[in-house]
N, C-alpha and C. Protein backbone atom coordinates (compact mmCIF):
# COMPACT_ATOMS: atom_id res chain seq x y z
N MET A 1 88.43 39.46 221.51
CA MET A 1 88.19 40.88 221.45
C MET A 1 89.06 41.54 222.53
N LEU A 2 89.76 42.58 222.11
CA LEU A 2 90.63 43.30 223.04
C LEU A 2 89.90 44.47 223.69
N THR A 3 89.16 45.24 222.88
CA THR A 3 88.38 46.36 223.41
C THR A 3 87.08 46.50 222.63
N ARG A 4 86.10 47.10 223.27
CA ARG A 4 84.85 47.51 222.61
C ARG A 4 84.66 48.97 222.96
N ASN A 5 84.60 49.81 221.93
CA ASN A 5 84.46 51.26 222.13
C ASN A 5 85.53 51.82 223.04
N GLY A 6 86.76 51.31 222.90
CA GLY A 6 87.90 51.82 223.64
C GLY A 6 88.00 51.35 225.08
N ARG A 7 87.12 50.46 225.49
CA ARG A 7 87.12 49.96 226.87
C ARG A 7 87.35 48.46 226.87
N ALA A 8 87.71 47.95 228.04
CA ALA A 8 87.90 46.51 228.19
C ALA A 8 86.60 45.79 227.83
N PRO A 9 86.71 44.62 227.21
CA PRO A 9 85.50 43.89 226.83
C PRO A 9 84.75 43.37 228.06
N SER A 10 83.44 43.20 227.91
CA SER A 10 82.64 42.61 228.98
C SER A 10 82.99 41.13 229.10
N ALA A 11 82.46 40.48 230.12
CA ALA A 11 82.72 39.06 230.31
C ALA A 11 82.27 38.24 229.11
N THR A 12 81.17 38.62 228.48
CA THR A 12 80.69 37.86 227.32
C THR A 12 81.46 38.19 226.05
N ASP A 13 82.12 39.34 226.00
CA ASP A 13 82.91 39.72 224.83
C ASP A 13 84.31 39.12 224.86
N GLY A 14 84.86 38.89 226.02
CA GLY A 14 86.25 38.46 226.14
C GLY A 14 86.49 37.07 225.57
N GLY A 15 87.74 36.80 225.24
CA GLY A 15 88.12 35.48 224.76
C GLY A 15 88.08 35.35 223.25
N TRP A 16 88.47 34.15 222.76
CA TRP A 16 88.54 33.88 221.34
C TRP A 16 87.14 33.64 220.77
N LYS A 17 86.87 34.27 219.64
CA LYS A 17 85.60 34.11 218.97
C LYS A 17 85.83 34.12 217.46
N ASP A 18 84.90 33.57 216.70
CA ASP A 18 85.02 33.68 215.25
C ASP A 18 84.06 34.72 214.69
N THR A 19 83.11 35.20 215.49
CA THR A 19 82.23 36.30 215.09
C THR A 19 81.93 37.16 216.32
N ILE A 20 81.63 38.43 216.08
CA ILE A 20 81.19 39.31 217.15
C ILE A 20 80.00 40.13 216.65
N HIS A 21 79.12 40.48 217.57
CA HIS A 21 78.01 41.36 217.24
C HIS A 21 78.48 42.78 217.47
N LEU A 22 78.40 43.61 216.44
CA LEU A 22 78.89 44.98 216.52
C LEU A 22 77.81 45.91 215.98
N PRO A 23 76.95 46.44 216.86
CA PRO A 23 75.89 47.35 216.41
C PRO A 23 76.45 48.61 215.76
N ALA A 24 75.61 49.28 214.99
CA ALA A 24 76.01 50.52 214.30
C ALA A 24 76.60 51.52 215.29
N GLY A 25 77.70 52.16 214.89
CA GLY A 25 78.33 53.19 215.70
C GLY A 25 79.31 52.66 216.73
N GLN A 26 79.46 51.36 216.86
CA GLN A 26 80.42 50.81 217.81
C GLN A 26 81.71 50.42 217.11
N GLU A 27 82.78 50.31 217.90
CA GLU A 27 84.08 49.88 217.41
C GLU A 27 84.57 48.71 218.23
N ALA A 28 85.36 47.85 217.61
CA ALA A 28 85.97 46.74 218.34
C ALA A 28 87.41 46.60 217.86
N GLU A 29 88.30 46.35 218.81
CA GLU A 29 89.68 46.02 218.50
C GLU A 29 89.82 44.52 218.75
N ILE A 30 90.30 43.81 217.74
CA ILE A 30 90.38 42.35 217.85
C ILE A 30 91.81 41.88 217.58
N ALA A 31 92.14 40.72 218.11
CA ALA A 31 93.41 40.06 217.84
C ALA A 31 93.10 38.82 217.02
N VAL A 32 93.90 38.59 215.99
CA VAL A 32 93.69 37.45 215.12
C VAL A 32 95.00 36.68 215.01
N ARG A 33 94.94 35.36 215.13
CA ARG A 33 96.13 34.53 215.03
C ARG A 33 96.10 33.77 213.71
N PHE A 34 97.14 33.94 212.91
CA PHE A 34 97.30 33.20 211.66
C PHE A 34 98.55 32.35 211.81
N THR A 35 98.42 31.04 211.78
CA THR A 35 99.59 30.17 211.92
C THR A 35 99.70 29.26 210.71
N GLY A 36 100.93 29.10 210.25
CA GLY A 36 101.20 28.15 209.19
C GLY A 36 100.73 28.57 207.80
N TYR A 37 100.34 29.83 207.63
CA TYR A 37 99.88 30.24 206.31
C TYR A 37 100.16 31.72 206.13
N THR A 38 100.72 32.06 204.99
CA THR A 38 100.84 33.46 204.61
C THR A 38 100.05 33.64 203.32
N GLY A 39 99.61 34.82 203.10
CA GLY A 39 98.81 35.10 201.91
C GLY A 39 97.64 35.99 202.26
N ARG A 40 96.62 35.93 201.43
CA ARG A 40 95.45 36.79 201.62
C ARG A 40 94.28 36.02 202.23
N PHE A 41 93.62 36.68 203.16
CA PHE A 41 92.39 36.18 203.75
C PHE A 41 91.30 37.19 203.45
N MET A 42 90.09 36.74 203.35
CA MET A 42 88.94 37.61 203.11
C MET A 42 88.17 37.75 204.41
N LEU A 43 87.76 38.98 204.70
CA LEU A 43 86.83 39.18 205.81
C LEU A 43 85.64 39.95 205.27
N HIS A 44 84.50 39.72 205.85
CA HIS A 44 83.31 40.44 205.39
C HIS A 44 82.31 40.57 206.51
N CYS A 45 81.40 41.49 206.31
CA CYS A 45 80.34 41.78 207.26
C CYS A 45 79.18 40.83 207.02
N HIS A 46 78.59 40.32 208.10
CA HIS A 46 77.44 39.44 207.96
C HIS A 46 76.12 40.18 208.02
N ASN A 47 76.16 41.50 208.08
CA ASN A 47 74.94 42.30 207.94
C ASN A 47 74.51 42.12 206.49
N LEU A 48 73.35 41.55 206.26
CA LEU A 48 72.96 41.18 204.90
C LEU A 48 73.02 42.35 203.92
N GLU A 49 72.63 43.52 204.36
CA GLU A 49 72.70 44.69 203.47
C GLU A 49 74.14 44.96 203.04
N HIS A 50 75.07 44.85 203.97
CA HIS A 50 76.47 45.08 203.65
C HIS A 50 77.03 43.95 202.79
N GLU A 51 76.70 42.73 203.15
CA GLU A 51 77.21 41.58 202.40
C GLU A 51 76.76 41.63 200.95
N ASP A 52 75.51 41.99 200.73
CA ASP A 52 74.98 42.07 199.37
C ASP A 52 75.64 43.16 198.55
N ARG A 53 76.17 44.16 199.21
CA ARG A 53 76.82 45.27 198.50
C ARG A 53 78.33 45.09 198.42
N GLY A 54 78.81 43.91 198.76
CA GLY A 54 80.23 43.60 198.59
C GLY A 54 81.15 44.26 199.57
N MET A 55 80.67 44.58 200.75
CA MET A 55 81.53 45.23 201.74
C MET A 55 82.44 44.19 202.37
N MET A 56 83.55 43.95 201.70
CA MET A 56 84.52 42.97 202.12
C MET A 56 85.90 43.59 202.10
N ALA A 57 86.85 42.91 202.70
CA ALA A 57 88.23 43.41 202.71
C ALA A 57 89.18 42.24 202.62
N ASN A 58 90.36 42.48 202.06
CA ASN A 58 91.45 41.51 202.03
C ASN A 58 92.41 41.81 203.17
N VAL A 59 92.89 40.78 203.83
CA VAL A 59 93.91 40.91 204.85
C VAL A 59 95.13 40.15 204.36
N ALA A 60 96.25 40.84 204.22
CA ALA A 60 97.49 40.20 203.77
C ALA A 60 98.31 39.80 204.99
N VAL A 61 98.63 38.50 205.09
CA VAL A 61 99.41 37.97 206.21
C VAL A 61 100.82 37.68 205.70
N THR A 62 101.79 38.28 206.35
CA THR A 62 103.21 38.08 205.98
C THR A 62 104.00 37.74 207.25
N HIS A 63 105.15 37.17 207.07
CA HIS A 63 106.02 36.86 208.23
C HIS A 63 107.27 37.68 208.15
């Protein structure tokens, strides 16, 4: 995580993670590393209400 709500991440937020807790109304800027693969990746919200309603996105990785 690079920032949370436009500020530097806390000690528990910093570093590489595969999931983050993001309460309603908050924003996070994240860095993602894709190595050795180009194409589409799927990301989705683990909030069950959102997941059930198909709130997902495609990320296209190109070089």
